[in-house]
Every structure is written in C-alpha cells, then in structure tokens.
Protein backbone atom coordinates (compact mmCIF):
# COMPACT_ATOMS: atom_id res chain seq x y z
CA UNK A 1 0.04 0.02 0.19
CA UNK A 2 1.12 3.31 -0.76
CA UNK A 3 -0.56 6.83 0.88
CA UNK A 4 -1.42 9.22 -1.95
CA UNK A 5 -2.60 12.75 -1.69
CA UNK A 6 -4.75 14.79 -4.47
CA UNK A 7 -5.11 18.55 -3.86
CA UNK A 8 -7.28 21.15 -5.45
CA UNK A 9 -7.37 24.92 -4.55
CA UNK A 10 -9.34 27.67 -6.00
CA UNK A 11 -9.96 31.52 -4.86
CA UNK A 12 -13.45 31.17 -6.04
CA UNK A 13 -16.24 29.28 -7.73
CA UNK A 14 -17.86 25.84 -7.39
CA UNK A 15 -16.13 22.47 -6.63
CA UNK A 16 -17.18 19.91 -9.37
CA UNK A 17 -16.49 16.67 -10.65
CA UNK A 18 -13.56 18.06 -12.73
CA UNK A 19 -11.64 17.46 -9.29
CA UNK A 20 -12.70 13.76 -9.25
CA UNK A 21 -10.12 11.35 -8.03
CA UNK A 22 -9.80 8.43 -10.52
CA UNK A 23 -6.95 6.29 -9.96
CA UNK A 24 -5.87 3.23 -12.02
CA UNK A 25 -5.58 0.80 -9.31
CA UNK A 26 -8.07 -0.32 -6.73
CA UNK A 27 -8.01 1.98 -3.75
CA UNK A 28 -9.19 2.95 -0.43
CA UNK A 29 -10.19 6.49 0.80
CA UNK A 30 -8.64 7.35 4.19
CA UNK A 31 -9.85 11.10 4.50
CA UNK A 32 -11.15 13.98 2.60
CA UNK A 33 -10.68 17.53 3.92
CA UNK A 34 -12.29 20.68 2.76
CA UNK A 35 -11.25 24.15 4.16
CA UNK A 36 -13.29 27.24 3.33
CA UNK A 37 -11.89 30.71 4.03
CA UNK A 38 -15.31 31.77 5.02
CA UNK A 39 -18.38 29.75 6.27
CA UNK A 40 -20.50 28.19 3.36
CA UNK A 41 -23.38 30.83 3.88
CA UNK A 42 -27.07 30.34 3.26
CA UNK A 43 -27.07 31.41 -0.31
CA UNK A 44 -27.88 28.81 -2.99
CA UNK A 45 -27.12 25.12 -2.69
CA UNK A 46 -25.26 24.77 0.65
CA UNK A 47 -24.68 21.10 0.49
CA UNK A 48 -21.20 19.51 -0.28
CA UNK A 49 -21.49 15.85 -1.59
CA UNK A 50 -18.87 13.01 -1.89
CA UNK A 51 -20.03 10.54 -4.45
CA UNK A 52 -18.89 7.30 -6.13
CA UNK A 53 -19.18 7.32 -9.73
CA UNK A 54 -18.68 3.49 -10.34
CA UNK A 55 -16.87 2.20 -13.38
CA UNK A 56 -19.21 -0.70 -13.34
CA UNK A 57 -22.54 0.99 -14.05
CA UNK A 58 -24.56 3.94 -12.73
CA UNK A 59 -26.74 1.49 -10.72
CA UNK A 60 -23.66 1.36 -8.50
CA UNK A 61 -23.01 5.01 -8.02
CA UNK A 62 -23.59 6.14 -4.46
CA UNK A 63 -23.40 8.95 -2.40
CA UNK A 64 -20.92 8.49 0.56
CA UNK A 65 -21.93 11.59 2.33
CA UNK A 66 -23.71 15.08 2.29
CA UNK A 67 -22.56 18.02 4.43
CA UNK A 68 -24.51 21.35 4.97
CA UNK A 69 -21.84 23.81 4.69
CA UNK A 70 -23.84 26.57 5.95
CA UNK A 71 -21.84 27.45 9.23
CA UNK A 72 -18.86 25.35 8.20
CA UNK A 73 -15.29 26.50 7.41
CA UNK A 74 -13.46 23.12 7.89
CA UNK A 75 -14.66 19.81 7.09
CA UNK A 76 -13.24 16.20 7.37
CA UNK A 77 -14.66 12.92 6.21
CA UNK A 78 -12.90 9.73 7.66
CA UNK A 79 -14.98 6.47 6.73
CA UNK A 80 -15.71 4.66 9.85
CA UNK A 81 -14.65 1.12 8.01
CA UNK A 82 -12.68 0.44 4.89
CA UNK A 83 -14.07 1.50 1.69
CA UNK A 84 -12.57 -0.35 -1.35
CA UNK A 85 -13.05 1.14 -4.79
CA UNK A 86 -12.08 -0.45 -8.22
CA UNK A 87 -9.91 1.14 -10.76
CA UNK A 88 -11.76 3.55 -12.54
CA UNK A 89 -14.31 4.30 -9.76
CA UNK A 90 -14.34 8.32 -9.40
CA UNK A 91 -14.70 9.89 -6.15
CA UNK A 92 -16.52 13.14 -7.15
CA UNK A 93 -16.83 16.11 -4.93
CA UNK A 94 -19.52 18.75 -5.63
CA UNK A 95 -20.13 21.88 -3.66
CA UNK A 96 -21.70 25.09 -5.32
CA UNK A 97 -19.87 27.46 -3.32
CA UNK A 98 -22.15 30.31 -3.68
CA UNK A 99 -20.21 32.61 -1.55
CA UNK A 100 -17.29 32.15 -3.43
CA UNK A 101 -15.06 31.35 -0.71
CA UNK A 102 -11.36 30.30 -1.33
CA UNK A 103 -11.00 26.79 -0.75
CA UNK A 104 -8.45 23.90 -0.29
CA UNK A 105 -9.35 20.27 -0.72
CA UNK A 106 -7.22 17.33 0.25
CA UNK A 107 -8.08 13.62 -0.54
CA UNK A 108 -5.91 11.07 1.13
CA UNK A 109 -6.31 7.48 -0.14
CA UNK A 110 -4.10 4.30 -0.37
CA UNK A 111 -3.33 2.58 -3.61
CA UNK A 112 -3.90 -1.18 -3.05
C-alpha cells in the first residue's frame, strides 16, 4: 500500500466533478478534507457531497456523505470502515460555493 494525496485549490467558484479522483488501481479512501476561508453561507445550494461514480455502471453510483456547509469552514470525512474502490471508480466532490470562498480540498487515499 502507498498513501497518496490529491489536492485542489481555488480562490472562487464551484467545486465540481472535474476534481474527481480516478486512480488506475484499486484504492481505499482514508480522508477527505475541505477548508473554506469563510463559512458556506445560506445562499444557493449549501450542500457538499462526496459521491462514487462507479466504473461498473450507474446503478452502483453511491453518495457517501452529504454535508450542509452553511456554518462550516472546515470539514473532514473519515470513513468509519474500509471502503475499497475499483480502478476507474471516481470519487466526485461537488459543492456550489455560492459565497465564492477560497477553498482547499485534500483527498488522502491508499493504492492497493
């Protein structure tokens, strides 16, 4: 196993599936961290979602977690048990970021 990190940073704008993690081997998510320089606010869609876009078929796509970011500046997701994903499965992070907060996203994972 080898611990890997995926980073994304921007001064404004939405976090979208373009930041998807898509390794070429089986992998395990250890942690997802999202920092905003200001709380998410109440405007627009305030939910951040972490979703599996399964390579197998859309019937296997699953929302891992949804978080209301209205009053949140720091969010950390650590799965309570091992979650193993196939090569080609994407982990999509989506957040509208209507308040245009500067953000830093970190995904920590193991290649298996």
